[in-house]
Amino acid sequence: MSIVARHFAATPERLPSATWNKITALVCSGEQKATAEFQKVAGLASSVIADRSMENHPLIIVNDGPRLRVYCLYGDKAISEDDRNEAPLSWNPVAGKWHGYLPCGAEDFDEYASLVKSQSSRFSVYNVEEGFEQDEGKPENEKAAVAAGGLKIDWEAFSKK
């Protein structure tokens, strides 16, 4: 599985709602059904952007293609274009079966989880303190992969020169 990241300027360059609209435009590329799903969670997503959760914990879009991670830049990084990457994607991350995961702090997790569930079947939230549980290819998931008949990965071999 490959992972592609994009970094969007947020505050003070853009209001949280304008940042979400910019993310929506890039990810959905005019797909009306996907755009409608993104609009359903616009308020919650704007709140997540406003509380700076997406600075270190991305919006994650999972589908059959590469996994998309969308981060936000704040303060001087948002104003400077050095770290910004809002370039178009080479594939459609909302084609076919896709699901979006918004980051959420532990203190708001239960409230946000029920709220997003009531708004969209295509989005969920993940607890930033626990991380994104569907991350594949990490050592903590190795036992599950082996149990499912997958290959065992020699992580030490990757770190050797």
Foldseek 3Di string as FASTA:
>chain_A
DAEDEFEAQDPPVHQLLVRLVLVLCQQQVPVVVSSQLSVLCSVVSSVLVVVQVQQPAFWWKDDPDHIYTYGYDYDPPSVDCPRGGSDHDPDRSPPDQMAIEAEDAPVCQVVQQVSSVVRHPRYGYDHVVVGDVPDPPDPVCQVVQVVVVHDHDDVVVVVDD
